[in-house]
């Protein structure tokens, strides 16, 4: 037969015994006969994690050719590991498990692929293990990776992480999202119960409650303290993003040839469409003042309301930033990350090439989120003037800061000079402006102006109404706001622009004098 005893090889063995009952094994004289005994494959494996020797053994072959084929596969797998001690141990573990569980010997090419990816060689990898491997290798923006990690930690690992990757099905994924819906119902019911309990535990009058009411309120407040705090539900858009994370991760597994089918692509979810932008008209303002409820997640001011905001904001050192967002639709991070080198005031253009986003609470400079986000857009003369005035203010701040720093140093206190970071919008000492500082300034100005509430991101949406009111169509809006596609702009702004069109239509009708009376005057 082939091979040395130490390296392994193919031999014959039988169950014949001597008169004392001891197995004759290779000493049996009948082994010379062609059909006597069974072929036996033996191959020494790399030591285990504790350094102990181990051997692969298997028998039951119908012929030498079959046994040799199996032995060749075992040796081919061993050669894959080369001199890498960790790889040699993993390959040895694989073959030991194959022998113990009487499994088919895997193809060397499959073992090589799995070894290169760093996943379990026996195919028993769980979804959770793959998600960890996948996200660790991602080279995405920090905020994107943070989103992936959040989805994995909060939803995917608890929901489907225990399934074997190669046995993960559409049904498994669907069950996870159904469980999220069930949890949402519980959360909504608990939140509603807490609101009701808060009403019972609140004394709404200005006067102090009488003794009997104070005793009752104490009981109700004790009940309130035992209730769970408010929790957010996982909405349709968030579920879509969770599925997207799972789908991208499983596509990565397909590329590595670990699986051949992506169950996440076939999960049925709510549409999760972006909310429509809605104008703050008088009817909606009255509803908000009466109930405290915003009619839509995306509310947009009318041109008159935008003007009122800018009038109040004009005295703020970040006025030019808010003016730029309101008319040119920059995102918060893009405005904070804008470099002076990419602002051409004479040529009336601005190039968006950087943005500052929050990672945790730390500002981080990154490239724009998509290729389409990095673009050059035109500047109107009013924006140009606002930026010129802002530049003059910034230079004055720089001069004043350096004078003050020099006085402080003369007094023995260490204060650094103004830091030139090259950004258009900075703190008083020239360093990066934290994005949340901008949002807080925006909220303060909105309260001062007495306007119905919108988010700073909604100020970007206000630009759509102004562009359309100035004659721009949906394509111009898409290009200026740098949406990834015209459908996204259309889905968000169709209802909004319809109302603007009606206002324009009414104004157009009013331009034409008529002899007959209008319907309103009758």
Protein backbone atom coordinates (compact mmCIF):
# COMPACT_ATOMS: atom_id res chain seq x y z
CA UNK A 1 0.00 0.00 0.00
CA UNK A 2 0.98 3.70 -0.18
CA UNK A 3 2.54 6.17 2.30
CA UNK A 4 4.68 5.97 5.38
CA UNK A 5 3.22 5.17 8.80
CA UNK A 6 3.90 8.68 10.13
CA UNK A 7 2.46 10.61 7.14
CA UNK A 8 -0.36 8.15 6.54
CA UNK A 9 -1.49 6.05 3.66
CA UNK A 10 -3.81 3.21 2.60
CA UNK A 11 -3.73 -0.21 4.22
CA UNK A 12 -6.01 -3.20 4.71
CA UNK A 13 -7.36 -4.45 7.97
CA UNK A 14 -9.77 -7.17 8.96
CA UNK A 15 -11.70 -8.43 11.94
CA UNK A 16 -9.92 -11.83 12.16
CA UNK A 17 -8.70 -12.80 15.64
CA UNK A 18 -6.16 -15.25 17.03
CA UNK A 19 -7.16 -18.13 19.36
CA UNK A 20 -6.89 -15.74 22.33
CA UNK A 21 -9.42 -13.39 20.76
CA UNK A 22 -6.92 -10.66 19.84
CA UNK A 23 -7.41 -8.82 16.51
CA UNK A 24 -4.81 -9.94 13.94
CA UNK A 25 -5.10 -6.63 12.12
CA UNK A 26 -2.26 -6.28 9.56
CA UNK A 27 -0.76 -9.62 10.70
CA UNK A 28 -3.67 -11.57 9.25
CA UNK A 29 -2.29 -13.96 6.56
CA UNK A 30 -5.52 -13.68 4.59
CA UNK A 31 -4.92 -10.00 3.78
CA UNK A 32 -2.94 -11.07 0.72
CA UNK A 33 -6.22 -12.17 -0.80
CA UNK A 34 -7.83 -9.52 -2.96
CA UNK A 35 -11.27 -9.55 -1.36
CA UNK A 36 -10.25 -10.08 2.26
CA UNK A 37 -10.35 -7.21 4.76
CA UNK A 38 -11.30 -3.59 4.30
CA UNK A 39 -9.30 -0.71 2.89
CA UNK A 40 -8.23 1.76 5.52
CA UNK A 41 -7.14 5.40 5.04
CA UNK A 42 -4.91 6.98 7.65
CA UNK A 43 -3.41 10.50 7.63
CA UNK A 44 -1.65 12.41 10.40
CA UNK A 45 -3.20 15.81 11.13
CA UNK A 46 -1.66 19.01 12.56
CA UNK A 47 -1.67 19.10 16.39
CA UNK A 48 -4.72 20.53 18.16
CA UNK A 49 -4.79 23.76 20.18
CA UNK A 50 -3.11 21.96 23.11
CA UNK A 51 -0.37 20.49 20.92
CA UNK A 52 -1.71 16.94 20.99
CA UNK A 53 -1.23 14.70 17.97
CA UNK A 54 -4.25 13.47 16.07
CA UNK A 55 -4.93 11.26 13.07
CA UNK A 56 -7.61 11.10 10.41
CA UNK A 57 -8.91 7.52 9.92
CA UNK A 58 -11.60 6.14 7.65
CA UNK A 59 -12.50 2.74 6.23
CA UNK A 60 -15.19 1.03 4.15
CA UNK A 61 -13.92 1.76 0.62
CA UNK A 62 -14.92 -0.43 -2.28
CA UNK A 63 -11.53 -0.23 -4.01
CA UNK A 64 -8.06 1.25 -3.86
CA UNK A 65 -9.01 4.01 -6.33
CA UNK A 66 -11.82 5.23 -4.06
CA UNK A 67 -9.56 5.20 -1.01
CA UNK A 68 -6.80 7.02 -2.90
CA UNK A 69 -9.24 9.71 -4.03
CA UNK A 70 -10.29 10.34 -0.43
CA UNK A 71 -6.70 10.42 0.79
CA UNK A 72 -5.74 12.85 -1.96
CA UNK A 73 -8.56 15.19 -0.89
CA UNK A 74 -7.42 15.06 2.73
CA UNK A 75 -3.84 15.86 1.75
CA UNK A 76 -4.94 18.63 -0.62
CA UNK A 77 -6.84 20.25 2.24
CA UNK A 78 -3.79 19.98 4.48
CA UNK A 79 -1.61 21.64 1.84
CA UNK A 80 -3.95 24.67 1.72
CA UNK A 81 -2.87 25.78 5.18
CA UNK A 82 0.82 25.92 4.24
CA UNK A 83 3.02 27.07 7.14
CA UNK A 84 0.32 29.17 8.82
CA UNK A 85 -0.05 27.59 12.27
CA UNK A 86 -3.55 28.98 12.85
CA UNK A 87 -4.72 27.80 9.44
CA UNK A 88 -3.13 24.37 10.03
CA UNK A 89 -4.98 24.01 13.33
CA UNK A 90 -8.30 25.07 11.76
CA UNK A 91 -7.86 22.60 8.90
CA UNK A 92 -7.00 19.88 11.41
CA UNK A 93 -10.14 20.72 13.42
CA UNK A 94 -12.20 20.47 10.26
CA UNK A 95 -10.88 17.03 9.27
CA UNK A 96 -11.19 15.74 12.83
CA UNK A 97 -14.86 16.78 12.89
CA UNK A 98 -15.42 15.22 9.47
CA UNK A 99 -14.03 11.93 10.77
CA UNK A 100 -15.94 12.05 14.06
CA UNK A 101 -19.32 12.89 12.50
CA UNK A 102 -18.81 10.58 9.47
CA UNK A 103 -19.27 13.52 7.08
CA UNK A 104 -18.24 13.74 3.44
CA UNK A 105 -14.78 15.22 2.98
CA UNK A 106 -15.30 18.77 1.64
CA UNK A 107 -13.85 19.93 -1.64
CA UNK A 108 -10.42 21.58 -1.21
CA UNK A 109 -11.53 24.63 -3.23
CA UNK A 110 -14.41 25.23 -0.80
CA UNK A 111 -12.09 24.91 2.19
CA UNK A 112 -9.63 27.33 0.57
CA UNK A 113 -12.38 29.90 -0.01
CA UNK A 114 -13.62 29.70 3.57
CA UNK A 115 -10.10 29.85 4.96
CA UNK A 116 -9.44 33.03 2.99
CA UNK A 117 -12.62 34.69 4.28
CA UNK A 118 -11.88 33.73 7.87
CA UNK A 119 -15.16 31.92 8.48
CA UNK A 120 -15.75 28.44 9.99
CA UNK A 121 -14.54 25.75 7.62
CA UNK A 122 -17.31 23.31 8.40
CA UNK A 123 -20.11 25.53 7.05
CA UNK A 124 -21.70 25.88 10.48
CA UNK A 125 -21.28 29.67 10.61
CA UNK A 126 -24.23 31.52 12.10
CA UNK A 127 -25.80 34.67 10.69
CA UNK A 128 -24.43 36.58 13.70
CA UNK A 129 -20.88 35.35 13.04
CA UNK A 130 -21.11 36.41 9.40
CA UNK A 131 -22.52 39.84 10.31
CA UNK A 132 -19.54 40.41 12.62
CA UNK A 133 -17.10 39.28 9.92
CA UNK A 134 -18.81 41.39 7.26
CA UNK A 135 -19.08 44.65 9.20
CA UNK A 136 -15.50 44.37 10.47
CA UNK A 137 -14.29 44.37 6.85
CA UNK A 138 -16.49 47.29 5.70
CA UNK A 139 -14.73 50.48 4.62
CA UNK A 140 -17.73 52.78 4.66
CA UNK A 141 -18.23 56.19 6.24
CA UNK A 142 -18.18 56.11 10.03
CA UNK A 143 -21.81 57.16 10.24
CA UNK A 144 -22.83 54.43 7.78
CA UNK A 145 -20.87 51.81 9.70
CA UNK A 146 -22.42 53.05 12.94
CA UNK A 147 -25.85 52.50 11.40
CA UNK A 148 -24.89 48.98 10.36
CA UNK A 149 -23.60 48.21 13.87
CA UNK A 150 -26.80 49.56 15.44
CA UNK A 151 -29.01 47.41 13.22
CA UNK A 152 -26.87 44.36 13.90
CA UNK A 153 -26.77 44.87 17.68
CA UNK A 154 -30.40 45.89 18.26
CA UNK A 155 -32.31 43.84 15.69
CA UNK A 156 -30.39 41.37 13.53
CA UNK A 157 -28.35 39.46 16.10
CA UNK A 158 -31.22 39.05 18.58
CA UNK A 159 -33.70 38.29 15.81
CA UNK A 160 -31.87 35.98 13.38
CA UNK A 161 -28.27 35.74 14.58
CA UNK A 162 -28.67 32.19 15.88
CA UNK A 163 -29.57 30.66 12.51
CA UNK A 164 -26.94 28.90 10.43
CA UNK A 165 -25.95 31.12 7.55
CA UNK A 166 -26.31 28.37 4.94
CA UNK A 167 -29.76 27.43 6.27
CA UNK A 168 -31.17 30.93 6.71
CA UNK A 169 -34.52 31.33 4.92
CA UNK A 170 -37.03 34.00 3.92
CA UNK A 171 -39.31 32.68 6.66
CA UNK A 172 -36.66 33.27 9.31
CA UNK A 173 -36.16 36.87 8.17
CA UNK A 174 -39.92 37.50 7.90
CA UNK A 175 -40.45 36.23 11.45
CA UNK A 176 -37.96 38.79 12.74
CA UNK A 177 -39.83 41.69 11.14
CA UNK A 178 -43.17 40.29 12.31
CA UNK A 179 -41.71 40.23 15.83
CA UNK A 180 -40.72 43.90 15.42
CA UNK A 181 -44.34 44.70 14.49
CA UNK A 182 -45.57 42.82 17.56
CA UNK A 183 -43.13 44.73 19.75
CA UNK A 184 -44.30 48.00 18.19
CA UNK A 185 -47.88 47.24 19.27
CA UNK A 186 -46.72 46.61 22.83
CA UNK A 187 -44.62 49.80 22.86
CA UNK A 188 -47.49 51.89 21.46
CA UNK A 189 -49.88 50.52 24.11
CA UNK A 190 -47.37 51.16 26.92
CA UNK A 191 -46.70 54.70 25.66
CA UNK A 192 -50.45 55.41 25.52
CA UNK A 193 -50.90 54.05 29.05
CA UNK A 194 -48.08 56.27 30.29
CA UNK A 195 -49.63 59.37 28.69
CA UNK A 196 -52.95 58.59 30.39
CA UNK A 197 -51.20 58.04 33.71
CA UNK A 198 -49.29 61.32 33.34
CA UNK A 199 -52.64 63.11 32.91
CA UNK A 200 -53.96 61.50 36.11
CA UNK A 201 -50.75 62.39 37.97
CA UNK A 202 -50.75 66.06 36.93
CA UNK A 203 -52.40 68.95 38.75
CA UNK A 204 -53.21 71.30 35.91
CA UNK A 205 -54.25 74.29 37.99
CA UNK A 206 -51.93 77.07 39.12
CA UNK A 207 -53.05 76.84 42.74
CA UNK A 208 -51.65 74.21 45.07
CA UNK A 209 -53.85 71.09 45.28
CA UNK A 210 -55.90 70.56 48.45
CA UNK A 211 -54.86 67.80 50.84
CA UNK A 212 -57.14 65.11 49.43
CA UNK A 213 -55.99 65.89 45.86
CA UNK A 214 -52.32 65.92 46.93
CA UNK A 215 -52.77 62.45 48.43
CA UNK A 216 -54.39 61.19 45.24
CA UNK A 217 -51.66 62.73 43.08
CA UNK A 218 -49.00 61.05 45.22
CA UNK A 219 -50.59 57.67 44.57
CA UNK A 220 -50.90 58.34 40.84
CA UNK A 221 -47.28 59.55 40.62
CA UNK A 222 -46.09 56.43 42.39
CA UNK A 223 -47.88 54.37 39.75
CA UNK A 224 -46.29 56.50 37.04
CA UNK A 225 -42.80 55.93 38.48
CA UNK A 226 -43.30 52.15 38.16
CA UNK A 227 -44.21 52.35 34.48
CA UNK A 228 -41.72 51.93 31.69
CA UNK A 229 -40.41 55.15 30.11
CA UNK A 230 -41.51 56.20 26.65
CA UNK A 231 -39.91 54.12 23.90
CA UNK A 232 -39.82 54.80 20.17
CA UNK A 233 -41.41 52.31 17.82
CA UNK A 234 -39.46 50.90 14.88
CA UNK A 235 -41.16 52.62 11.96
CA UNK A 236 -41.50 51.51 8.33
CA UNK A 237 -38.48 53.51 7.12
CA UNK A 238 -36.28 52.07 9.88
CA UNK A 239 -37.40 48.54 9.03
CA UNK A 240 -36.49 49.19 5.42
CA UNK A 241 -33.00 50.25 6.53
CA UNK A 242 -32.65 47.16 8.73
CA UNK A 243 -33.58 44.95 5.80
CA UNK A 244 -31.15 46.86 3.61
CA UNK A 245 -28.33 46.16 6.09
CA UNK A 246 -29.22 42.46 6.13
CA UNK A 247 -29.52 42.33 2.36
CA UNK A 248 -26.14 43.99 1.78
CA UNK A 249 -24.49 41.69 4.33
CA UNK A 250 -25.95 38.58 2.71
CA UNK A 251 -24.92 39.81 -0.73
CA UNK A 252 -21.40 39.90 0.68
CA UNK A 253 -21.79 36.26 1.70
CA UNK A 254 -22.93 35.41 -1.83
CA UNK A 255 -19.86 37.13 -3.30
CA UNK A 256 -17.72 34.99 -1.01
CA UNK A 257 -19.66 31.94 -2.25
CA UNK A 258 -20.76 31.08 1.27
CA UNK A 259 -24.42 31.03 0.22
CA UNK A 260 -26.23 31.20 -3.11
CA UNK A 261 -29.52 32.90 -2.17
CA UNK A 262 -30.39 36.14 -0.36
CA UNK A 263 -33.52 35.71 1.79
CA UNK A 264 -33.64 39.41 2.75
CA UNK A 265 -34.48 40.34 -0.84
CA UNK A 266 -37.83 38.55 -0.57
CA UNK A 267 -39.08 39.84 2.77
CA UNK A 268 -42.36 41.79 2.52
CA UNK A 269 -42.47 45.06 4.47
CA UNK A 270 -44.53 48.20 4.61
CA UNK A 271 -43.62 50.65 1.87
CA UNK A 272 -41.64 52.89 4.22
CA UNK A 273 -42.05 55.74 1.75
CA UNK A 274 -40.58 59.10 2.62
CA UNK A 275 -43.17 61.44 4.13
CA UNK A 276 -44.55 64.10 1.84
CA UNK A 277 -43.48 67.67 2.47
CA UNK A 278 -46.41 69.81 3.65
CA UNK A 279 -46.71 73.61 3.87
CA UNK A 280 -47.56 75.36 7.14
CA UNK A 281 -50.78 77.08 6.05
CA UNK A 282 -53.24 78.77 8.43
CA UNK A 283 -55.40 75.66 8.83
CA UNK A 284 -52.46 73.47 9.80
CA UNK A 285 -51.03 76.10 12.14
CA UNK A 286 -54.40 76.26 13.94
CA UNK A 287 -54.44 72.46 14.28
CA UNK A 288 -50.89 72.48 15.66
CA UNK A 289 -51.65 75.24 18.15
CA UNK A 290 -54.75 73.38 19.34
CA UNK A 291 -53.34 69.83 19.55
CA UNK A 292 -49.55 70.20 19.53
CA UNK A 293 -49.39 67.74 16.61
CA UNK A 294 -47.46 68.36 13.40
CA UNK A 295 -49.50 67.37 10.33
CA UNK A 296 -46.47 65.68 8.72
CA UNK A 297 -42.97 64.57 9.64
CA UNK A 298 -41.69 67.03 7.00
CA UNK A 299 -43.16 70.50 7.43
CA UNK A 300 -42.10 73.41 5.25
CA UNK A 301 -42.57 77.14 5.68
CA UNK A 302 -44.20 79.37 3.12
CA UNK A 303 -42.03 82.04 1.50
CA UNK A 304 -43.49 84.60 3.92
CA UNK A 305 -42.55 82.44 6.90
CA UNK A 306 -39.03 81.87 5.50
CA UNK A 307 -38.65 85.63 5.24
CA UNK A 308 -39.77 86.09 8.84
CA UNK A 309 -37.19 83.54 9.98
CA UNK A 310 -34.37 85.18 8.04
CA UNK A 311 -35.31 88.62 9.38
CA UNK A 312 -34.79 87.37 12.94
CA UNK A 313 -31.71 85.31 12.00
CA UNK A 314 -29.97 88.28 10.36
CA UNK A 315 -28.41 89.38 13.65
CA UNK A 316 -26.98 85.90 14.33
CA UNK A 317 -23.34 85.13 13.42
CA UNK A 318 -24.58 82.06 11.47
CA UNK A 319 -27.08 84.03 9.39
CA UNK A 320 -25.24 83.30 6.12
CA UNK A 321 -25.36 79.56 6.87
CA UNK A 322 -29.14 79.57 7.34
CA UNK A 323 -29.58 81.78 4.26
CA UNK A 324 -27.48 79.35 2.20
CA UNK A 325 -29.50 76.32 3.34
CA UNK A 326 -32.85 78.06 2.81
CA UNK A 327 -32.11 79.05 -0.80
CA UNK A 328 -29.56 76.49 -2.03
CA UNK A 329 -30.59 73.46 0.00
CA UNK A 330 -27.29 72.41 1.59
CA UNK A 331 -27.42 69.67 4.20
CA UNK A 332 -26.34 70.60 7.73
CA UNK A 333 -23.09 68.65 7.52
CA UNK A 334 -22.30 70.11 4.10
CA UNK A 335 -22.77 73.67 5.32
CA UNK A 336 -20.63 73.10 8.43
CA UNK A 337 -17.94 71.36 6.37
CA UNK A 338 -17.81 73.93 3.55
CA UNK A 339 -14.30 75.20 2.77
CA UNK A 340 -13.62 78.76 1.62
CA UNK A 341 -11.40 77.36 -1.14
CA UNK A 342 -14.53 75.84 -2.71
CA UNK A 343 -16.50 79.11 -2.64
CA UNK A 344 -16.20 81.32 -5.74
CA UNK A 345 -18.01 84.54 -4.89
CA UNK A 346 -16.93 86.34 -8.06
CA UNK A 347 -18.07 83.40 -10.18
CA UNK A 348 -21.23 82.95 -8.05
CA UNK A 349 -20.69 79.24 -7.42
CA UNK A 350 -20.09 76.91 -4.51
CA UNK A 351 -18.66 73.38 -4.67
CA UNK A 352 -19.77 70.88 -2.03
CA UNK A 353 -16.77 68.62 -1.46
CA UNK A 354 -16.64 67.94 2.30
CA UNK A 355 -19.05 67.56 5.16
CA UNK A 356 -18.77 67.36 8.93
CA UNK A 357 -21.03 64.79 10.56
CA UNK A 358 -21.42 63.59 14.13
CA UNK A 359 -20.01 60.18 15.01
CA UNK A 360 -21.34 59.51 18.47
CA UNK A 361 -20.83 63.11 19.61
CA UNK A 362 -17.51 63.71 17.90
CA UNK A 363 -17.47 65.83 14.70
CA UNK A 364 -15.86 63.90 11.83
CA UNK A 365 -14.97 65.26 8.38
CA UNK A 366 -15.95 62.97 5.52
CA UNK A 367 -16.67 62.99 1.82
CA UNK A 368 -20.28 63.75 0.82
CA UNK A 369 -22.59 60.78 1.29
CA UNK A 370 -22.94 60.05 -2.45
CA UNK A 371 -21.18 60.97 -5.67
CA UNK A 372 -24.21 63.07 -6.59
CA UNK A 373 -23.95 65.02 -3.32
CA UNK A 374 -20.52 66.32 -4.36
CA UNK A 375 -21.36 68.98 -6.93
CA UNK A 376 -21.07 72.63 -7.89
CA UNK A 377 -24.19 74.78 -7.69
CA UNK A 378 -24.82 78.41 -8.49
CA UNK A 379 -25.16 81.24 -5.99
CA UNK A 380 -27.64 84.07 -6.32
CA UNK A 381 -26.46 87.63 -5.70
CA UNK A 382 -28.16 87.81 -2.30
CA UNK A 383 -26.34 84.71 -1.10
CA UNK A 384 -23.09 86.11 -2.47
CA UNK A 385 -23.64 89.33 -0.52
CA UNK A 386 -24.49 87.39 2.66
CA UNK A 387 -21.28 85.36 2.33
CA UNK A 388 -19.18 88.49 1.69
CA UNK A 389 -20.58 90.07 4.85
CA UNK A 390 -19.99 86.81 6.73
CA UNK A 391 -16.37 86.75 5.55
CA UNK A 392 -15.84 90.31 6.78
CA UNK A 393 -17.40 89.38 10.13
CA UNK A 394 -15.16 86.29 10.37
CA UNK A 395 -12.00 88.34 9.73
CA UNK A 396 -13.11 90.83 12.38
CA UNK A 397 -13.71 87.96 14.83
CA UNK A 398 -10.26 86.60 14.03
CA UNK A 399 -8.61 89.95 14.71
CA UNK A 400 -10.53 90.45 17.96
CA UNK A 401 -9.77 86.91 19.14
CA UNK A 402 -6.02 87.28 18.52
CA UNK A 403 -5.93 90.60 20.42
CA UNK A 404 -7.74 89.03 23.36
CA UNK A 405 -5.46 85.95 23.25
CA UNK A 406 -2.38 88.21 23.30
CA UNK A 407 -3.71 90.04 26.37
CA UNK A 408 -4.42 86.74 28.11
CA UNK A 409 -0.93 85.45 27.39
CA UNK A 410 0.58 88.69 28.67
CA UNK A 411 -1.32 88.07 31.90
CA UNK A 412 0.23 84.62 32.16
CA UNK A 413 -2.77 82.66 30.90
CA UNK A 414 -2.34 80.38 27.90
CA UNK A 415 -4.82 81.15 25.14
CA UNK A 416 -4.06 80.07 21.58
CA UNK A 417 -4.48 82.33 18.56
CA UNK A 418 -7.38 81.96 16.16
CA UNK A 419 -7.08 78.63 14.30
CA UNK A 420 -7.39 78.83 10.54
CA UNK A 421 -9.23 75.61 9.59
CA UNK A 422 -10.25 76.99 6.20
CA UNK A 423 -13.97 76.53 6.93
CA UNK A 424 -16.64 79.05 6.04
CA UNK A 425 -18.53 78.55 9.29
CA UNK A 426 -16.49 78.09 12.47
CA UNK A 427 -16.49 78.75 16.18
CA UNK A 428 -15.26 82.08 17.52
CA UNK A 429 -11.71 80.69 17.79
CA UNK A 430 -11.71 79.35 14.21
CA UNK A 431 -12.12 75.65 15.05
CA UNK A 432 -14.74 73.36 13.57
CA UNK A 433 -18.34 74.17 14.29
CA UNK A 434 -20.19 71.28 15.92
CA UNK A 435 -23.26 70.43 13.77
CA UNK A 436 -25.53 70.32 16.83
CA UNK A 437 -24.55 73.90 17.70
CA UNK A 438 -26.08 74.92 14.38
CA UNK A 439 -29.30 72.98 15.11
CA UNK A 440 -29.60 74.56 18.55
CA UNK A 441 -29.11 78.06 17.11
CA UNK A 442 -31.78 77.30 14.51
CA UNK A 443 -34.29 76.15 17.15
CA UNK A 444 -33.61 79.26 19.23
CA UNK A 445 -34.26 81.59 16.28
CA UNK A 446 -37.48 79.73 15.39
CA UNK A 447 -38.77 80.21 18.95
CA UNK A 448 -37.83 83.88 18.90
CA UNK A 449 -39.60 84.38 15.56
CA UNK A 450 -42.77 82.67 16.87
CA UNK A 451 -42.98 80.46 13.79
CA UNK A 452 -44.56 76.99 13.55
CA UNK A 453 -41.84 74.38 14.12
CA UNK A 454 -39.70 72.78 11.47
CA UNK A 455 -36.39 70.93 11.73
CA UNK A 456 -33.17 72.35 10.34
CA UNK A 457 -33.31 69.62 7.69
CA UNK A 458 -36.74 70.97 6.70
CA UNK A 459 -35.13 74.34 5.96
CA UNK A 460 -33.33 72.49 3.16
CA UNK A 461 -36.75 71.36 1.93
CA UNK A 462 -37.92 74.98 1.98
CA UNK A 463 -35.44 75.56 -0.83
CA UNK A 464 -37.64 73.37 -3.05
CA UNK A 465 -40.58 75.76 -2.69
CA UNK A 466 -38.40 78.78 -3.44
CA UNK A 467 -36.78 77.14 -6.47
CA UNK A 468 -40.16 76.13 -7.83
CA UNK A 469 -41.66 79.53 -7.08
CA UNK A 470 -38.77 81.04 -9.03
CA UNK A 471 -39.64 78.92 -12.08
CA UNK A 472 -37.58 75.78 -11.49
CA UNK A 473 -39.07 72.40 -12.39
CA UNK A 474 -38.59 69.04 -10.62
CA UNK A 475 -35.33 68.37 -12.45
CA UNK A 476 -33.86 71.71 -11.32
CA UNK A 477 -34.91 70.91 -7.74
CA UNK A 478 -33.30 67.48 -7.99
CA UNK A 479 -30.04 68.94 -9.32
CA UNK A 480 -29.85 71.80 -6.81
CA UNK A 481 -30.68 69.67 -3.78
CA UNK A 482 -28.54 66.86 -5.26
CA UNK A 483 -31.02 64.05 -4.77
CA UNK A 484 -29.90 60.64 -6.03
CA UNK A 485 -32.77 60.54 -8.51
CA UNK A 486 -35.68 62.60 -9.73
CA UNK A 487 -38.12 60.05 -8.26
CA UNK A 488 -36.86 60.86 -4.76
CA UNK A 489 -37.47 64.56 -5.32
CA UNK A 490 -40.87 63.83 -6.84
CA UNK A 491 -41.94 61.52 -3.99
CA UNK A 492 -40.99 64.14 -1.41
CA UNK A 493 -42.19 67.38 -3.01
CA UNK A 494 -45.12 66.58 -5.34
CA UNK A 495 -47.81 67.50 -2.78
CA UNK A 496 -45.81 70.52 -1.63
CA UNK A 497 -45.33 71.97 -5.11
CA UNK A 498 -48.96 71.39 -6.00
CA UNK A 499 -49.88 73.89 -3.31
CA UNK A 500 -47.27 76.33 -4.60
CA UNK A 501 -48.69 75.88 -8.11
CA UNK A 502 -52.16 76.76 -6.81
CA UNK A 503 -50.83 79.95 -5.24
CA UNK A 504 -49.10 80.84 -8.51
CA UNK A 505 -52.27 80.03 -10.45
CA UNK A 506 -54.35 82.32 -8.24
CA UNK A 507 -51.83 85.13 -8.63
CA UNK A 508 -51.84 84.63 -12.41
CA UNK A 509 -55.63 84.89 -12.54
CA UNK A 510 -55.48 88.04 -10.42
CA UNK A 511 -53.24 89.75 -12.97
CA UNK A 512 -56.01 89.84 -15.59
CA UNK A 513 -58.75 92.47 -15.04
CA UNK A 514 -62.28 91.24 -15.83
CA UNK A 515 -65.59 93.04 -16.23
CA UNK A 516 -67.54 90.27 -14.52
CA UNK A 517 -67.29 89.84 -10.78
CA UNK A 518 -65.05 87.16 -9.28
CA UNK A 519 -66.73 84.30 -7.36
CA UNK A 520 -65.42 85.71 -4.07
CA UNK A 521 -67.07 89.12 -4.58
CA UNK A 522 -70.50 87.73 -5.38
